Amino acid sequence: MIKKMVCGAVLAAMGSLAQAAAPALTEWEFTWKGFYVFPGGGSGWDDPELTFTGRFAGTDGNSDGILALGELTSLTFEHDDYNYAACPPATATDECNLASFSYSEASGLELKASNVWYSAAPGSEAWWVGESTSYDTSYGIEQVDFGYQMPGEYYTRTFTDYTVKTVTQISPVPEPATYAMLGAGLLLLGAARKSRQKK
């Protein structure tokens, strides 16, 4: 009986290790703090306290330590309704795009994403308006308001020397060896206890 319990414990441990060895979905939050703000049509200013946040999630399928564009499942920015990892097909009035994405602890977060929205398809009616937003980890954030007979009005938040960029993992990291050994140990304890009770 004990032999069966031991075999069961070993098999359980091996199963736990195999299951936990599979790449897991992980989520991160990123923060950019400190920008040079330029509202367009006026003077810009430094704002070291201005903060912008976003989140992304994915699975490092090839376990190379890099979350690539094809491994991304979600990418969102504050005050923005799009999931840039799953942009819907573009329409005449709405479009989002994720041109590039990469994250690793060694190289940090790199991405280029954008969206554009129109109140109506340009040319379909008078006095339409639109807005575009772009995010670029090498530059910052740019928003443009435009429309029929309306020059573009820019609002940019540009990275500076004092910009602090942080990425924090917010989902738990599984520790397969620990969990497998714990399960095996509990099974072995149970087997030993039953053996003592029979004696």
Protein backbone atom coordinates (compact mmCIF):
# COMPACT_ATOMS: atom_id res chain seq x y z
CA MET A 1 0.00 0.00 0.00
CA ILE A 2 2.79 2.37 0.92
CA LYS A 3 4.50 1.56 -2.37
CA LYS A 4 1.35 2.58 -4.24
CA MET A 5 1.16 5.81 -2.27
CA VAL A 6 4.80 6.60 -2.99
CA CYS A 7 4.29 5.91 -6.68
CA GLY A 8 1.25 8.15 -6.62
CA ALA A 9 3.22 10.92 -4.95
CA VAL A 10 5.99 10.68 -7.54
CA LEU A 11 3.53 10.70 -10.42
CA ALA A 12 1.72 13.68 -8.91
CA ALA A 13 4.99 15.56 -8.58
CA MET A 14 5.94 14.78 -12.17
CA GLY A 15 2.53 15.88 -13.37
CA SER A 16 2.74 19.13 -11.43
CA LEU A 17 6.17 19.85 -12.83
CA ALA A 18 5.04 19.17 -16.38
CA GLN A 19 1.96 21.34 -16.00
CA ALA A 20 3.79 24.23 -14.35
CA ALA A 21 6.61 24.05 -16.90
CA ALA A 22 4.16 25.23 -19.57
CA PRO A 23 4.42 29.00 -20.16
CA ALA A 24 1.88 30.91 -18.09
CA LEU A 25 -0.10 34.04 -18.91
CA THR A 26 1.52 36.97 -17.12
CA GLU A 27 0.35 40.57 -16.69
CA TRP A 28 2.39 43.72 -16.16
CA GLU A 29 1.67 47.37 -15.42
CA PHE A 30 3.89 50.12 -16.81
CA THR A 31 4.26 53.72 -15.69
CA TRP A 32 5.83 56.73 -17.39
CA LYS A 33 6.46 59.65 -15.07
CA GLY A 34 7.83 63.04 -16.11
CA PHE A 35 7.11 64.72 -19.46
CA TYR A 36 7.68 67.85 -21.46
CA VAL A 37 4.13 68.99 -22.24
CA PHE A 38 3.34 70.95 -25.39
CA PRO A 39 -0.34 71.87 -25.87
CA GLY A 40 0.03 73.18 -29.40
CA GLY A 41 -0.33 76.82 -30.27
CA GLY A 42 1.32 77.83 -27.02
CA SER A 43 4.37 77.39 -24.86
CA GLY A 44 5.43 74.04 -23.48
CA TRP A 45 6.51 73.24 -19.94
CA ASP A 46 8.24 70.55 -17.90
CA ASP A 47 6.04 68.42 -15.66
CA PRO A 48 8.18 65.94 -13.69
CA GLU A 49 5.13 64.66 -11.77
CA LEU A 50 2.84 63.96 -14.73
CA THR A 51 2.21 60.22 -14.82
CA PHE A 52 0.80 57.92 -17.47
CA THR A 53 0.02 54.22 -17.01
CA GLY A 54 -0.95 51.16 -19.00
CA ARG A 55 -1.06 47.38 -18.82
CA PHE A 56 -0.10 44.46 -20.99
CA ALA A 57 -0.33 40.68 -20.75
CA GLY A 58 0.91 37.70 -22.68
CA THR A 59 2.61 34.34 -22.68
CA ASP A 60 6.30 33.83 -23.42
CA GLY A 61 5.57 30.79 -25.55
CA ASN A 62 9.16 29.98 -26.51
CA SER A 63 10.53 30.78 -23.02
CA ASP A 64 13.25 33.07 -24.38
CA GLY A 65 12.62 35.78 -21.78
CA ILE A 66 11.12 38.14 -24.37
CA LEU A 67 7.42 38.87 -24.76
CA ALA A 68 7.08 39.52 -28.48
CA LEU A 69 4.23 40.99 -30.52
CA GLY A 70 2.88 37.57 -31.47
CA GLU A 71 2.82 36.49 -27.80
CA LEU A 72 0.84 39.51 -26.59
CA THR A 73 -2.81 39.03 -25.57
CA SER A 74 -3.69 42.50 -24.28
CA LEU A 75 -2.28 46.02 -24.30
CA THR A 76 -4.23 48.93 -22.86
CA PHE A 77 -3.53 52.56 -22.00
CA GLU A 78 -5.28 54.76 -19.46
CA HIS A 79 -8.23 56.79 -20.80
CA ASP A 80 -8.20 54.63 -23.96
CA ASP A 81 -10.81 51.96 -24.75
CA TYR A 82 -8.77 49.95 -27.25
CA ASN A 83 -7.04 46.63 -26.65
CA TYR A 84 -4.14 47.12 -29.04
CA ALA A 85 -3.21 43.44 -28.98
CA ALA A 86 -6.58 42.63 -30.56
CA CYS A 87 -7.48 45.58 -32.76
CA PRO A 88 -10.73 45.03 -34.67
CA PRO A 89 -10.79 45.46 -38.46
CA ALA A 90 -10.52 49.10 -39.47
CA THR A 91 -13.66 50.95 -40.53
CA ALA A 92 -14.26 54.28 -42.24
CA THR A 93 -14.51 55.98 -38.84
CA ASP A 94 -12.36 53.92 -36.48
CA GLU A 95 -8.95 52.29 -36.56
CA CYS A 96 -6.31 51.08 -34.11
CA ASN A 97 -2.87 49.70 -34.87
CA LEU A 98 0.02 48.10 -33.00
CA ALA A 99 3.07 48.45 -35.23
CA SER A 100 5.60 46.89 -32.86
CA PHE A 101 5.91 45.47 -29.36
CA SER A 102 8.61 43.82 -27.27
CA TYR A 103 9.29 43.42 -23.56
CA SER A 104 12.11 41.81 -21.61
CA GLU A 105 13.72 42.55 -18.27
CA ALA A 106 17.00 43.22 -20.06
CA SER A 107 15.75 45.61 -22.76
CA GLY A 108 12.61 46.98 -21.14
CA LEU A 109 9.37 47.87 -22.90
CA GLU A 110 9.36 48.93 -26.55
CA LEU A 111 6.16 49.66 -28.46
CA LYS A 112 4.51 51.75 -31.15
CA ALA A 113 0.71 51.97 -31.15
CA SER A 114 -1.86 54.39 -32.55
CA ASN A 115 -5.54 54.96 -33.13
CA VAL A 116 -7.68 57.32 -35.17
CA TRP A 117 -11.36 58.16 -34.83
CA TYR A 118 -13.75 60.20 -37.03
CA SER A 119 -17.23 61.45 -36.20
CA ALA A 120 -18.15 60.50 -39.78
CA ALA A 121 -16.23 59.21 -42.77
CA PRO A 122 -14.22 62.14 -44.17
CA GLY A 123 -16.06 63.59 -47.14
CA SER A 124 -19.35 61.88 -46.28
CA GLU A 125 -20.77 64.94 -44.55
CA ALA A 126 -19.78 68.49 -43.68
CA TRP A 127 -18.11 69.49 -40.47
CA TRP A 128 -16.78 66.09 -39.50
CA VAL A 129 -14.10 65.97 -36.79
CA GLY A 130 -11.46 63.45 -35.86
CA GLU A 131 -8.85 62.59 -33.27
CA SER A 132 -5.70 60.51 -33.39
CA THR A 133 -3.43 59.30 -30.60
CA SER A 134 -0.03 57.65 -30.87
CA TYR A 135 2.16 56.01 -28.24
CA ASP A 136 5.88 55.49 -28.83
CA THR A 137 8.36 54.38 -26.16
CA SER A 138 11.13 56.26 -27.96
CA TYR A 139 9.20 59.54 -28.07
CA GLY A 140 6.12 59.80 -25.87
CA ILE A 141 2.44 60.42 -26.52
CA GLU A 142 0.90 62.60 -29.22
CA GLN A 143 -2.75 63.55 -29.65
CA VAL A 144 -4.11 65.46 -32.63
CA ASP A 145 -7.59 66.95 -33.06
CA PHE A 146 -8.58 67.73 -36.64
CA GLY A 147 -11.59 68.03 -38.91
CA TYR A 148 -13.24 69.59 -41.93
CA GLN A 149 -11.56 72.96 -42.63
CA MET A 150 -9.87 72.64 -39.25
CA PRO A 151 -6.09 72.66 -38.84
CA GLY A 152 -4.65 69.98 -36.63
CA GLU A 153 -4.32 70.88 -32.95
CA TYR A 154 -1.49 68.98 -31.28
CA TYR A 155 -1.09 67.97 -27.66
CA THR A 156 2.14 66.11 -26.94
CA ARG A 157 3.76 64.62 -23.86
CA THR A 158 7.38 64.01 -24.72
CA PHE A 159 9.89 61.94 -22.76
CA THR A 160 12.81 63.85 -21.27
CA ASP A 161 16.04 63.07 -19.42
CA TYR A 162 14.10 62.92 -16.15
CA THR A 163 11.34 60.61 -17.38
CA VAL A 164 11.14 57.51 -15.19
CA LYS A 165 9.84 54.37 -16.90
CA THR A 166 8.89 51.40 -14.74
CA VAL A 167 7.36 48.00 -15.48
CA THR A 168 5.88 45.96 -12.64
CA GLN A 169 4.63 42.39 -12.83
CA ILE A 170 1.17 42.21 -11.26
CA SER A 171 0.24 38.54 -11.74
CA PRO A 172 1.82 35.79 -9.59
CA VAL A 173 4.77 33.78 -10.83
CA PRO A 174 4.30 30.02 -10.42
CA GLU A 175 7.11 28.08 -8.76
CA PRO A 176 6.64 24.57 -10.18
CA ALA A 177 9.32 22.76 -8.20
CA THR A 178 8.02 24.10 -4.90
CA TYR A 179 4.42 23.14 -5.59
CA ALA A 180 5.32 19.70 -6.90
CA MET A 181 7.51 18.87 -3.91
CA LEU A 182 4.82 20.08 -1.51
CA GLY A 183 2.22 17.83 -3.11
CA ALA A 184 4.52 14.83 -3.04
CA GLY A 185 5.44 15.48 0.59
CA LEU A 186 1.81 15.66 1.67
CA LEU A 187 1.02 12.38 -0.05
CA LEU A 188 3.98 10.68 1.60
CA LEU A 189 2.95 11.97 5.02
CA GLY A 190 -0.51 10.59 4.49
CA ALA A 191 0.90 7.21 3.53
CA ALA A 192 3.14 7.08 6.60
CA ARG A 193 0.27 8.03 8.89
CA LYS A 194 -1.97 5.28 7.53
CA SER A 195 0.85 2.76 7.91
CA ARG A 196 1.33 3.67 11.58
CA GLN A 197 -2.40 3.41 12.24
CA LYS A 198 -2.50 -0.13 10.85
CA LYS A 199 0.38 -1.19 13.11
